[in-house]
Amino acid sequence: MHDAVIFDCDGTLVDSEGLSAEVFCELLAELGHLTDPVDILARFRGQQFAKSLEELRERFGALPEAFGDTFRARTLEVYRERLTEIAGAASLLQAMTHPACVASNAPRHKIALCLEAAGLARFFPESRVFSAYEVGAWKPDPRLFLHAAETMGAAPARCLVVEDSAPGVAAGLAAGMRVVALVHEEAAPWLPQGVPAIRSLPELLTLL
């Protein structure tokens, strides 16, 4: 029995990562840089936003000062119009009896918008939403997950983390938690040996 289930948000509960990659590519194209959303997604999934911007600057040179703000504003517009849940998220959360929370690298306002747009906000009151920006530590640093567990009154060893990215999985393992990876691609070379993988969220019920 787990004392708490800690979900990542982007790519785990809400289908936002592909949309974000599209916006990255659109903005870069406007600057004359052609990129592939698949490549962008593979490079930046689950990564701290500031680090992604740093890597883009290393790859393409100087970016406009407002590039990050423009990206955030445009993605929020896209989320409001097109964001959906990861298939099976609502039905899983409805069926779960374990206390659940969200711990994400994103700012709180973005997490809230994504959960609302995808129809999942009803499962996560504000007290069960945790942002790396409020802790000052981003995955793969484990402190966000440890903070979530402490707030939920759960021992780390009795928490289950559900993630879809290498930084998130690494953070969960470093926190001493059990980790399950939601894998979207055919192969996942980033997944450490011994970490179980699921292909759809409803599969998680059999692991609880």
N, C-alpha and C. Protein backbone atom coordinates (compact mmCIF):
# COMPACT_ATOMS: atom_id res chain seq x y z
N MET A 1 0.85 -1.20 0.00
CA MET A 1 0.00 0.00 0.00
C MET A 1 0.89 1.25 0.00
N HIS A 2 0.58 2.19 -0.86
CA HIS A 2 1.32 3.45 -0.91
C HIS A 2 0.58 4.53 -0.13
N ASP A 3 1.35 5.38 0.54
CA ASP A 3 0.75 6.48 1.28
C ASP A 3 0.37 7.64 0.38
N ALA A 4 1.02 7.76 -0.78
CA ALA A 4 0.71 8.83 -1.73
C ALA A 4 1.22 8.47 -3.11
N VAL A 5 0.49 8.94 -4.11
CA VAL A 5 0.92 8.81 -5.51
C VAL A 5 1.21 10.21 -6.02
N ILE A 6 2.43 10.42 -6.50
CA ILE A 6 2.87 11.73 -6.97
C ILE A 6 2.97 11.69 -8.49
N PHE A 7 2.14 12.49 -9.14
CA PHE A 7 2.13 12.54 -10.60
C PHE A 7 2.91 13.75 -11.10
N ASP A 8 3.69 13.55 -12.15
CA ASP A 8 4.13 14.67 -12.97
C ASP A 8 2.89 15.19 -13.70
N CYS A 9 2.99 16.36 -14.30
CA CYS A 9 1.84 16.91 -15.02
C CYS A 9 2.01 16.78 -16.54
N ASP A 10 2.95 17.54 -17.12
CA ASP A 10 3.12 17.55 -18.57
C ASP A 10 3.57 16.19 -19.09
N GLY A 11 2.79 15.64 -20.00
CA GLY A 11 3.13 14.36 -20.59
C GLY A 11 2.74 13.15 -19.77
N THR A 12 2.32 13.39 -18.53
CA THR A 12 1.89 12.31 -17.66
C THR A 12 0.39 12.36 -17.42
N LEU A 13 -0.12 13.54 -17.07
CA LEU A 13 -1.56 13.72 -16.90
C LEU A 13 -2.18 14.48 -18.06
N VAL A 14 -1.43 15.45 -18.61
CA VAL A 14 -1.97 16.27 -19.70
C VAL A 14 -1.07 16.15 -20.92
N ASP A 15 -1.69 16.16 -22.09
CA ASP A 15 -0.97 15.92 -23.35
C ASP A 15 -0.43 17.24 -23.91
N SER A 16 0.48 17.84 -23.16
CA SER A 16 0.96 19.19 -23.47
C SER A 16 2.30 19.23 -24.18
N GLU A 17 3.10 18.18 -24.05
CA GLU A 17 4.49 18.27 -24.50
C GLU A 17 4.61 18.41 -26.02
N GLY A 18 3.77 17.70 -26.77
CA GLY A 18 3.80 17.84 -28.22
C GLY A 18 3.41 19.24 -28.65
N LEU A 19 2.42 19.82 -27.95
CA LEU A 19 2.00 21.19 -28.26
C LEU A 19 3.13 22.18 -27.96
N SER A 20 3.81 21.97 -26.85
CA SER A 20 4.93 22.85 -26.51
C SER A 20 6.04 22.76 -27.55
N ALA A 21 6.33 21.55 -28.01
CA ALA A 21 7.36 21.37 -29.02
C ALA A 21 6.99 22.09 -30.32
N GLU A 22 5.71 22.04 -30.68
CA GLU A 22 5.24 22.74 -31.88
C GLU A 22 5.49 24.24 -31.75
N VAL A 23 5.19 24.79 -30.58
CA VAL A 23 5.37 26.23 -30.37
C VAL A 23 6.85 26.59 -30.42
N PHE A 24 7.69 25.78 -29.79
CA PHE A 24 9.14 26.00 -29.87
C PHE A 24 9.57 26.11 -31.34
N CYS A 25 9.12 25.14 -32.14
CA CYS A 25 9.52 25.11 -33.55
C CYS A 25 8.99 26.31 -34.32
N GLU A 26 7.77 26.74 -34.03
CA GLU A 26 7.19 27.91 -34.69
C GLU A 26 8.01 29.16 -34.39
N LEU A 27 8.36 29.35 -33.12
CA LEU A 27 9.12 30.54 -32.74
C LEU A 27 10.52 30.52 -33.33
N LEU A 28 11.14 29.34 -33.34
CA LEU A 28 12.47 29.24 -33.93
C LEU A 28 12.42 29.46 -35.44
N ALA A 29 11.36 28.97 -36.09
CA ALA A 29 11.20 29.17 -37.53
C ALA A 29 11.08 30.66 -37.86
N GLU A 30 10.40 31.41 -37.00
CA GLU A 30 10.26 32.85 -37.21
C GLU A 30 11.62 33.55 -37.14
N LEU A 31 12.60 32.90 -36.50
CA LEU A 31 13.95 33.44 -36.42
C LEU A 31 14.88 32.83 -37.47
N GLY A 32 14.30 31.99 -38.33
CA GLY A 32 15.08 31.39 -39.41
C GLY A 32 15.73 30.07 -39.07
N HIS A 33 15.33 29.45 -37.95
CA HIS A 33 15.91 28.18 -37.53
C HIS A 33 14.88 27.07 -37.73
N LEU A 34 15.18 26.12 -38.59
CA LEU A 34 14.25 25.02 -38.84
C LEU A 34 14.56 23.87 -37.89
N THR A 35 13.55 23.42 -37.18
CA THR A 35 13.70 22.34 -36.22
C THR A 35 12.54 21.37 -36.35
N ASP A 36 12.72 20.20 -35.79
CA ASP A 36 11.72 19.14 -35.84
C ASP A 36 11.09 19.00 -34.46
N PRO A 37 9.76 19.06 -34.34
CA PRO A 37 9.12 18.90 -33.03
C PRO A 37 9.51 17.61 -32.32
N VAL A 38 9.72 16.55 -33.08
CA VAL A 38 10.12 15.27 -32.47
C VAL A 38 11.48 15.42 -31.79
N ASP A 39 12.39 16.11 -32.46
CA ASP A 39 13.72 16.33 -31.91
C ASP A 39 13.66 17.23 -30.68
N ILE A 40 12.88 18.30 -30.77
CA ILE A 40 12.72 19.21 -29.64
C ILE A 40 12.15 18.48 -28.44
N LEU A 41 11.14 17.65 -28.67
CA LEU A 41 10.52 16.91 -27.58
C LEU A 41 11.51 15.95 -26.94
N ALA A 42 12.28 15.26 -27.76
CA ALA A 42 13.26 14.30 -27.23
C ALA A 42 14.33 15.00 -26.41
N ARG A 43 14.73 16.19 -26.83
CA ARG A 43 15.79 16.91 -26.13
C ARG A 43 15.33 17.51 -24.81
N PHE A 44 14.12 18.02 -24.78
CA PHE A 44 13.71 18.88 -23.67
C PHE A 44 12.64 18.30 -22.76
N ARG A 45 12.15 17.10 -23.04
CA ARG A 45 11.07 16.54 -22.22
C ARG A 45 11.48 16.47 -20.75
N GLY A 46 10.66 17.06 -19.92
CA GLY A 46 10.87 16.99 -18.48
C GLY A 46 11.97 17.87 -17.94
N GLN A 47 12.57 18.67 -18.78
CA GLN A 47 13.73 19.47 -18.38
C GLN A 47 13.30 20.85 -17.89
N GLN A 48 14.07 21.41 -16.97
CA GLN A 48 13.83 22.77 -16.51
C GLN A 48 13.84 23.73 -17.70
N PHE A 49 12.86 24.63 -17.73
CA PHE A 49 12.69 25.51 -18.88
C PHE A 49 13.93 26.37 -19.11
N ALA A 50 14.51 26.89 -18.04
CA ALA A 50 15.70 27.74 -18.18
C ALA A 50 16.85 26.97 -18.83
N LYS A 51 16.97 25.70 -18.49
CA LYS A 51 18.03 24.89 -19.09
C LYS A 51 17.76 24.66 -20.57
N SER A 52 16.50 24.48 -20.94
CA SER A 52 16.15 24.31 -22.36
C SER A 52 16.51 25.55 -23.15
N LEU A 53 16.20 26.72 -22.59
CA LEU A 53 16.55 27.97 -23.27
C LEU A 53 18.06 28.11 -23.42
N GLU A 54 18.79 27.70 -22.39
CA GLU A 54 20.25 27.77 -22.45
C GLU A 54 20.78 26.88 -23.58
N GLU A 55 20.23 25.69 -23.72
CA GLU A 55 20.67 24.79 -24.78
C GLU A 55 20.31 25.33 -26.16
N LEU A 56 19.15 25.98 -26.28
CA LEU A 56 18.78 26.58 -27.56
C LEU A 56 19.76 27.68 -27.94
N ARG A 57 20.19 28.46 -26.96
CA ARG A 57 21.15 29.54 -27.25
C ARG A 57 22.49 28.96 -27.66
N GLU A 58 22.89 27.86 -27.04
CA GLU A 58 24.14 27.22 -27.43
C GLU A 58 24.07 26.69 -28.86
N ARG A 59 22.88 26.25 -29.25
CA ARG A 59 22.70 25.63 -30.57
C ARG A 59 22.51 26.66 -31.67
N PHE A 60 21.75 27.73 -31.37
CA PHE A 60 21.38 28.67 -32.42
C PHE A 60 21.95 30.06 -32.23
N GLY A 61 22.63 30.28 -31.15
CA GLY A 61 23.14 31.61 -30.89
C GLY A 61 22.13 32.45 -30.11
N ALA A 62 22.33 33.75 -30.10
CA ALA A 62 21.49 34.64 -29.31
C ALA A 62 20.02 34.52 -29.72
N LEU A 63 19.15 34.53 -28.75
CA LEU A 63 17.71 34.56 -28.96
C LEU A 63 17.18 35.89 -28.45
N PRO A 64 16.05 36.36 -28.98
CA PRO A 64 15.49 37.61 -28.46
C PRO A 64 15.27 37.54 -26.96
N GLU A 65 15.43 38.64 -26.29
CA GLU A 65 15.30 38.68 -24.83
C GLU A 65 13.93 38.16 -24.38
N ALA A 66 12.91 38.42 -25.20
CA ALA A 66 11.55 38.05 -24.83
C ALA A 66 11.16 36.64 -25.31
N PHE A 67 12.13 35.88 -25.82
CA PHE A 67 11.80 34.57 -26.39
C PHE A 67 11.07 33.68 -25.39
N GLY A 68 11.58 33.60 -24.17
CA GLY A 68 10.96 32.74 -23.16
C GLY A 68 9.55 33.20 -22.82
N ASP A 69 9.37 34.51 -22.63
CA ASP A 69 8.04 35.03 -22.31
C ASP A 69 7.06 34.81 -23.46
N THR A 70 7.54 34.99 -24.69
CA THR A 70 6.69 34.77 -25.86
C THR A 70 6.28 33.30 -25.94
N PHE A 71 7.23 32.41 -25.69
CA PHE A 71 6.93 30.98 -25.70
C PHE A 71 5.86 30.65 -24.67
N ARG A 72 6.03 31.14 -23.46
CA ARG A 72 5.06 30.83 -22.41
C ARG A 72 3.68 31.36 -22.75
N ALA A 73 3.61 32.59 -23.24
CA ALA A 73 2.31 33.17 -23.57
C ALA A 73 1.63 32.41 -24.69
N ARG A 74 2.40 32.06 -25.72
CA ARG A 74 1.81 31.35 -26.86
C ARG A 74 1.37 29.94 -26.48
N THR A 75 2.16 29.26 -25.66
CA THR A 75 1.76 27.91 -25.26
C THR A 75 0.49 27.94 -24.42
N LEU A 76 0.34 28.93 -23.57
CA LEU A 76 -0.88 29.00 -22.76
C LEU A 76 -2.10 29.17 -23.65
N GLU A 77 -1.97 29.96 -24.70
CA GLU A 77 -3.08 30.12 -25.65
C GLU A 77 -3.42 28.79 -26.32
N VAL A 78 -2.37 28.07 -26.73
CA VAL A 78 -2.57 26.78 -27.38
C VAL A 78 -3.20 25.78 -26.42
N TYR A 79 -2.74 25.79 -25.17
CA TYR A 79 -3.32 24.86 -24.18
C TYR A 79 -4.81 25.12 -23.99
N ARG A 80 -5.18 26.39 -23.90
CA ARG A 80 -6.60 26.71 -23.69
C ARG A 80 -7.46 26.18 -24.83
N GLU A 81 -6.91 26.19 -26.02
CA GLU A 81 -7.68 25.79 -27.20
C GLU A 81 -7.62 24.29 -27.49
N ARG A 82 -6.48 23.66 -27.21
CA ARG A 82 -6.27 22.31 -27.75
C ARG A 82 -5.86 21.25 -26.73
N LEU A 83 -5.58 21.63 -25.50
CA LEU A 83 -5.04 20.67 -24.55
C LEU A 83 -6.08 19.64 -24.14
N THR A 84 -5.66 18.39 -24.07
CA THR A 84 -6.51 17.30 -23.59
C THR A 84 -5.75 16.50 -22.53
N GLU A 85 -6.45 15.67 -21.84
CA GLU A 85 -5.80 14.78 -20.88
C GLU A 85 -5.02 13.70 -21.61
N ILE A 86 -4.03 13.14 -20.95
CA ILE A 86 -3.44 11.89 -21.43
C ILE A 86 -4.54 10.83 -21.33
N ALA A 87 -4.70 10.03 -22.36
CA ALA A 87 -5.80 9.07 -22.41
C ALA A 87 -5.87 8.25 -21.12
N GLY A 88 -7.05 8.24 -20.53
CA GLY A 88 -7.28 7.44 -19.34
C GLY A 88 -7.00 8.14 -18.03
N ALA A 89 -6.53 9.41 -18.06
CA ALA A 89 -6.16 10.09 -16.82
C ALA A 89 -7.35 10.26 -15.88
N ALA A 90 -8.45 10.79 -16.40
CA ALA A 90 -9.61 11.03 -15.54
C ALA A 90 -10.17 9.74 -14.97
N SER A 91 -10.27 8.72 -15.80
CA SER A 91 -10.82 7.45 -15.32
C SER A 91 -9.91 6.83 -14.26
N LEU A 92 -8.59 6.95 -14.44
CA LEU A 92 -7.66 6.45 -13.43
C LEU A 92 -7.85 7.19 -12.11
N LEU A 93 -7.84 8.50 -12.17
CA LEU A 93 -7.96 9.30 -10.95
C LEU A 93 -9.29 9.06 -10.25
N GLN A 94 -10.33 8.84 -11.03
CA GLN A 94 -11.65 8.56 -10.46
C GLN A 94 -11.65 7.22 -9.72
N ALA A 95 -10.90 6.25 -10.26
CA ALA A 95 -10.89 4.91 -9.69
C ALA A 95 -9.92 4.76 -8.51
N MET A 96 -8.93 5.64 -8.43
CA MET A 96 -7.91 5.52 -7.38
C MET A 96 -8.48 5.82 -6.00
N THR A 97 -7.98 5.07 -5.01
CA THR A 97 -8.34 5.34 -3.62
C THR A 97 -7.15 5.92 -2.85
N HIS A 98 -5.99 5.96 -3.47
CA HIS A 98 -4.79 6.50 -2.83
C HIS A 98 -4.78 8.02 -2.90
N PRO A 99 -4.27 8.71 -1.88
CA PRO A 99 -4.08 10.15 -1.97
C PRO A 99 -3.13 10.47 -3.12
N ALA A 100 -3.48 11.45 -3.92
CA ALA A 100 -2.68 11.79 -5.10
C ALA A 100 -2.39 13.28 -5.14
N CYS A 101 -1.25 13.63 -5.71
CA CYS A 101 -0.88 15.03 -5.89
C CYS A 101 -0.11 15.17 -7.18
N VAL A 102 0.17 16.43 -7.56
CA VAL A 102 0.94 16.76 -8.75
C VAL A 102 2.20 17.49 -8.33
N ALA A 103 3.34 17.08 -8.87
CA ALA A 103 4.62 17.77 -8.62
C ALA A 103 5.30 17.99 -9.97
N SER A 104 5.40 19.26 -10.38
CA SER A 104 5.83 19.59 -11.73
C SER A 104 6.93 20.64 -11.72
N ASN A 105 7.79 20.59 -12.75
CA ASN A 105 8.81 21.62 -12.96
C ASN A 105 8.21 22.95 -13.39
N ALA A 106 6.95 22.96 -13.78
CA ALA A 106 6.31 24.16 -14.32
C ALA A 106 5.88 25.12 -13.21
N PRO A 107 5.66 26.40 -13.56
CA PRO A 107 5.09 27.35 -12.60
C PRO A 107 3.68 26.92 -12.21
N ARG A 108 3.26 27.31 -11.01
CA ARG A 108 1.94 26.90 -10.52
C ARG A 108 0.81 27.33 -11.45
N HIS A 109 0.87 28.56 -11.99
CA HIS A 109 -0.23 29.03 -12.82
C HIS A 109 -0.37 28.19 -14.08
N LYS A 110 0.76 27.69 -14.61
CA LYS A 110 0.70 26.83 -15.78
C LYS A 110 0.11 25.47 -15.43
N ILE A 111 0.54 24.92 -14.29
CA ILE A 111 -0.02 23.64 -13.85
C ILE A 111 -1.53 23.75 -13.70
N ALA A 112 -1.98 24.83 -13.05
CA ALA A 112 -3.41 25.02 -12.83
C ALA A 112 -4.17 25.14 -14.14
N LEU A 113 -3.62 25.91 -15.09
CA LEU A 113 -4.28 26.07 -16.38
C LEU A 113 -4.37 24.73 -17.11
N CYS A 114 -3.29 23.96 -17.08
CA CYS A 114 -3.27 22.67 -17.79
C CYS A 114 -4.28 21.71 -17.19
N LEU A 115 -4.32 21.63 -15.87
CA LEU A 115 -5.28 20.72 -15.24
C LEU A 115 -6.71 21.14 -15.54
N GLU A 116 -6.95 22.44 -15.52
CA GLU A 116 -8.30 22.94 -15.81
C GLU A 116 -8.68 22.67 -17.26
N ALA A 117 -7.78 22.98 -18.19
CA ALA A 117 -8.08 22.81 -19.62
C ALA A 117 -8.31 21.34 -19.96
N ALA A 118 -7.62 20.44 -19.26
CA ALA A 118 -7.74 19.01 -19.55
C ALA A 118 -8.86 18.35 -18.74
N GLY A 119 -9.54 19.13 -17.91
CA GLY A 119 -10.65 18.58 -17.14
C GLY A 119 -10.24 17.78 -15.92
N LEU A 120 -9.04 18.03 -15.41
CA LEU A 120 -8.53 17.25 -14.28
C LEU A 120 -8.40 18.05 -12.99
N ALA A 121 -8.73 19.33 -13.02
CA ALA A 121 -8.52 20.18 -11.84
C ALA A 121 -9.31 19.69 -10.63
N ARG A 122 -10.44 19.06 -10.87
CA ARG A 122 -11.29 18.63 -9.76
C ARG A 122 -10.62 17.56 -8.89
N PHE A 123 -9.62 16.90 -9.41
CA PHE A 123 -8.93 15.86 -8.65
C PHE A 123 -7.80 16.40 -7.78
N PHE A 124 -7.39 17.65 -8.01
CA PHE A 124 -6.21 18.18 -7.33
C PHE A 124 -6.48 19.58 -6.77
N PRO A 125 -6.90 19.66 -5.50
CA PRO A 125 -7.01 20.98 -4.87
C PRO A 125 -5.64 21.64 -4.79
N GLU A 126 -5.63 22.94 -4.56
CA GLU A 126 -4.36 23.69 -4.54
C GLU A 126 -3.35 23.09 -3.57
N SER A 127 -3.83 22.54 -2.47
CA SER A 127 -2.93 21.98 -1.47
C SER A 127 -2.23 20.72 -1.94
N ARG A 128 -2.65 20.19 -3.10
CA ARG A 128 -2.03 18.98 -3.64
C ARG A 128 -1.37 19.25 -4.99
N VAL A 129 -0.99 20.49 -5.21
CA VAL A 129 -0.25 20.87 -6.42
C VAL A 129 1.05 21.52 -5.99
N PHE A 130 2.17 20.99 -6.48
CA PHE A 130 3.48 21.44 -6.06
C PHE A 130 4.32 21.84 -7.27
N SER A 131 4.89 23.04 -7.21
CA SER A 131 5.69 23.58 -8.31
C SER A 131 7.16 23.70 -7.91
N ALA A 132 8.03 23.34 -8.83
CA ALA A 132 9.47 23.48 -8.58
C ALA A 132 9.85 24.93 -8.33
N TYR A 133 9.11 25.86 -8.90
CA TYR A 133 9.41 27.28 -8.73
C TYR A 133 9.21 27.72 -7.28
N GLU A 134 8.31 27.05 -6.58
CA GLU A 134 8.05 27.40 -5.18
C GLU A 134 9.06 26.75 -4.24
N VAL A 135 9.68 25.67 -4.69
CA VAL A 135 10.69 24.98 -3.89
C VAL A 135 12.09 25.49 -4.22
N GLY A 136 12.25 25.97 -5.45
CA GLY A 136 13.57 26.42 -5.91
C GLY A 136 14.47 25.27 -6.30
N ALA A 137 13.85 24.15 -6.71
CA ALA A 137 14.62 22.97 -7.13
C ALA A 137 13.84 22.26 -8.22
N TRP A 138 14.53 21.97 -9.31
CA TRP A 138 13.89 21.36 -10.47
C TRP A 138 14.41 19.94 -10.67
N LYS A 139 13.54 19.06 -11.12
CA LYS A 139 13.96 17.70 -11.45
C LYS A 139 15.10 17.78 -12.48
N PRO A 140 16.14 16.97 -12.31
CA PRO A 140 16.24 15.72 -11.53
C PRO A 140 16.59 15.88 -10.06
N ASP A 141 16.67 17.10 -9.55
CA ASP A 141 16.85 17.29 -8.11
C ASP A 141 15.63 16.68 -7.39
N PRO A 142 15.82 15.91 -6.33
CA PRO A 142 14.69 15.24 -5.68
C PRO A 142 13.89 16.10 -4.72
N ARG A 143 14.33 17.34 -4.49
CA ARG A 143 13.71 18.12 -3.41
C ARG A 143 12.23 18.42 -3.64
N LEU A 144 11.80 18.55 -4.90
CA LEU A 144 10.39 18.80 -5.16
C LEU A 144 9.54 17.62 -4.70
N PHE A 145 9.97 16.42 -5.02
CA PHE A 145 9.23 15.23 -4.61
C PHE A 145 9.27 15.06 -3.09
N LEU A 146 10.40 15.34 -2.48
CA LEU A 146 10.49 15.22 -1.03
C LEU A 146 9.58 16.23 -0.34
N HIS A 147 9.51 17.43 -0.90
CA HIS A 147 8.60 18.45 -0.36
C HIS A 147 7.14 18.01 -0.50
N ALA A 148 6.79 17.44 -1.65
CA ALA A 148 5.43 16.96 -1.86
C ALA A 148 5.08 15.87 -0.86
N ALA A 149 6.00 14.94 -0.67
CA ALA A 149 5.75 13.84 0.27
C ALA A 149 5.58 14.36 1.69
N GLU A 150 6.45 15.28 2.10
CA GLU A 150 6.35 15.83 3.45
C GLU A 150 5.01 16.53 3.66
N THR A 151 4.61 17.33 2.67
CA THR A 151 3.34 18.05 2.78
C THR A 151 2.16 17.08 2.82
N MET A 152 2.26 15.99 2.08
CA MET A 152 1.20 14.99 2.06
C MET A 152 1.23 14.08 3.30
N GLY A 153 2.26 14.23 4.14
CA GLY A 153 2.38 13.40 5.32
C GLY A 153 2.74 11.97 5.01
N ALA A 154 3.52 11.78 3.93
CA ALA A 154 3.88 10.44 3.47
C ALA A 154 5.39 10.24 3.53
N ALA A 155 5.82 9.07 3.99
CA ALA A 155 7.24 8.73 3.97
C ALA A 155 7.67 8.52 2.52
N PRO A 156 8.84 9.03 2.13
CA PRO A 156 9.28 8.86 0.74
C PRO A 156 9.25 7.41 0.25
N ALA A 157 9.66 6.49 1.10
CA ALA A 157 9.71 5.08 0.68
C ALA A 157 8.32 4.51 0.43
N ARG A 158 7.29 5.20 0.89
CA ARG A 158 5.92 4.73 0.70
C ARG A 158 5.16 5.58 -0.34
N CYS A 159 5.93 6.31 -1.16
CA CYS A 159 5.34 7.10 -2.24
C CYS A 159 5.61 6.43 -3.58
N LEU A 160 4.66 6.57 -4.48
CA LEU A 160 4.82 6.11 -5.86
C LEU A 160 4.84 7.32 -6.77
N VAL A 161 5.89 7.46 -7.57
CA VAL A 161 6.02 8.56 -8.53
C VAL A 161 5.65 8.05 -9.92
N VAL A 162 4.85 8.82 -10.63
CA VAL A 162 4.49 8.48 -12.02
C VAL A 162 5.06 9.57 -12.91
N GLU A 163 5.98 9.20 -13.80
CA GLU A 163 6.72 10.16 -14.61
C GLU A 163 6.81 9.70 -16.06
N ASP A 164 7.16 10.63 -16.95
CA ASP A 164 7.32 10.28 -18.37
C ASP A 164 8.65 10.75 -18.93
N SER A 165 9.58 11.17 -18.07
CA SER A 165 10.83 11.72 -18.57
C SER A 165 12.01 11.26 -17.73
N ALA A 166 13.20 11.35 -18.32
CA ALA A 166 14.42 10.96 -17.62
C ALA A 166 14.66 11.82 -16.37
N PRO A 167 14.53 13.16 -16.45
CA PRO A 167 14.75 13.96 -15.23
C PRO A 167 13.77 13.61 -14.12
N GLY A 168 12.51 13.36 -14.48
CA GLY A 168 11.53 13.02 -13.47
C GLY A 168 11.78 11.68 -12.82
N VAL A 169 12.12 10.69 -13.63
CA VAL A 169 12.44 9.36 -13.09
C VAL A 169 13.65 9.46 -12.17
N ALA A 170 14.67 10.19 -12.60
CA ALA A 170 15.88 10.35 -11.78
C ALA A 170 15.56 11.02 -10.45
N ALA A 171 14.68 12.02 -10.47
CA ALA A 171 14.31 12.71 -9.24
C ALA A 171 13.58 11.78 -8.28
N GLY A 172 12.67 10.98 -8.82
CA GLY A 172 11.94 10.04 -7.97
C GLY A 172 12.85 9.02 -7.33
N LEU A 173 13.78 8.47 -8.11
CA LEU A 173 14.71 7.49 -7.58
C LEU A 173 15.62 8.12 -6.52
N ALA A 174 16.10 9.35 -6.78
CA ALA A 174 16.97 10.03 -5.83
C ALA A 174 16.24 10.35 -4.53
N ALA A 175 14.92 10.49 -4.61
CA ALA A 175 14.11 10.77 -3.42
C ALA A 175 13.82 9.50 -2.62
N GLY A 176 14.25 8.35 -3.15
CA GLY A 176 14.00 7.09 -2.47
C GLY A 176 12.59 6.58 -2.62
N MET A 177 11.94 6.97 -3.70
CA MET A 177 10.56 6.58 -3.95
C MET A 177 10.47 5.49 -5.01
N ARG A 178 9.37 4.78 -5.01
CA ARG A 178 9.10 3.83 -6.09
C ARG A 178 8.69 4.66 -7.31
N VAL A 179 9.18 4.29 -8.48
CA VAL A 179 8.91 5.06 -9.70
C VAL A 179 8.35 4.14 -10.78
N VAL A 180 7.33 4.65 -11.46
CA VAL A 180 6.76 3.99 -12.63
C VAL A 180 6.84 4.99 -13.77
N ALA A 181 7.30 4.55 -14.94
CA ALA A 181 7.44 5.43 -16.09
C ALA A 181 6.31 5.19 -17.09
N LEU A 182 5.64 6.27 -17.46
CA LEU A 182 4.68 6.22 -18.57
C LEU A 182 5.48 6.47 -19.84
N VAL A 183 5.59 5.46 -20.68
CA VAL A 183 6.44 5.53 -21.87
C VAL A 183 5.56 5.71 -23.10
N HIS A 184 5.84 6.78 -23.85
CA HIS A 184 5.05 7.10 -25.04
C HIS A 184 5.68 6.57 -26.32
N GLU A 185 7.00 6.40 -26.33
CA GLU A 185 7.70 6.01 -27.55
C GLU A 185 7.89 4.49 -27.59
N GLU A 186 8.28 4.00 -28.75
CA GLU A 186 8.48 2.56 -28.92
C GLU A 186 9.62 2.05 -28.05
N ALA A 187 10.72 2.79 -28.02
CA ALA A 187 11.87 2.43 -27.20
C ALA A 187 12.18 3.59 -26.26
N ALA A 188 12.65 3.26 -25.07
CA ALA A 188 12.96 4.29 -24.08
C ALA A 188 14.35 4.04 -23.51
N PRO A 189 15.40 4.38 -24.29
CA PRO A 189 16.76 4.15 -23.80
C PRO A 189 17.10 4.96 -22.55
N TRP A 190 16.31 5.99 -22.26
CA TRP A 190 16.55 6.83 -21.09
C TRP A 190 16.05 6.18 -19.79
N LEU A 191 15.29 5.10 -19.90
CA LEU A 191 14.68 4.51 -18.72
C LEU A 191 15.67 3.59 -18.00
N PRO A 192 15.99 3.86 -16.74
CA PRO A 192 16.94 3.02 -16.02
C PRO A 192 16.43 1.59 -15.85
N GLN A 193 17.34 0.66 -15.84
CA GLN A 193 16.97 -0.74 -15.63
C GLN A 193 16.30 -0.91 -14.27
N GLY A 194 15.25 -1.68 -14.26
CA GLY A 194 14.54 -1.95 -13.01
C GLY A 194 13.35 -1.06 -12.76
N VAL A 195 13.22 0.03 -13.52
CA VAL A 195 12.05 0.91 -13.37
C VAL A 195 10.94 0.38 -14.26
N PRO A 196 9.80 0.00 -13.69
CA PRO A 196 8.73 -0.54 -14.53
C PRO A 196 8.13 0.52 -15.44
N ALA A 197 7.72 0.09 -16.63
CA ALA A 197 7.12 1.00 -17.60
C ALA A 197 5.69 0.59 -17.87
N ILE A 198 4.84 1.58 -18.07
CA ILE A 198 3.47 1.35 -18.52
C ILE A 198 3.26 2.11 -19.81
N ARG A 199 2.34 1.62 -20.63
CA ARG A 199 2.05 2.27 -21.91
C ARG A 199 0.79 3.12 -21.85
N SER A 200 -0.01 2.91 -20.81
CA SER A 200 -1.23 3.72 -20.64
C SER A 200 -1.49 3.89 -19.15
N LEU A 201 -2.12 4.99 -18.79
CA LEU A 201 -2.35 5.27 -17.37
C LEU A 201 -3.21 4.23 -16.66
N PRO A 202 -4.25 3.70 -17.29
CA PRO A 202 -5.05 2.70 -16.57
C PRO A 202 -4.25 1.50 -16.08
N GLU A 203 -3.12 1.21 -16.72
CA GLU A 203 -2.27 0.10 -16.27
C GLU A 203 -1.77 0.32 -14.85
N LEU A 204 -1.74 1.58 -14.43
CA LEU A 204 -1.21 1.88 -13.11
C LEU A 204 -2.03 1.22 -12.00
N LEU A 205 -3.31 1.03 -12.22
CA LEU A 205 -4.16 0.45 -11.20
C LEU A 205 -3.67 -0.94 -10.78
N THR A 206 -3.11 -1.68 -11.71
CA THR A 206 -2.64 -3.02 -11.37
C THR A 206 -1.38 -2.96 -10.53
N LEU A 207 -0.67 -1.82 -10.52
CA LEU A 207 0.56 -1.67 -9.74
C LEU A 207 0.31 -1.07 -8.37
N LEU A 208 -0.90 -0.59 -8.14
CA LEU A 208 -1.25 0.00 -6.86
C LEU A 208 -1.74 -1.07 -5.90
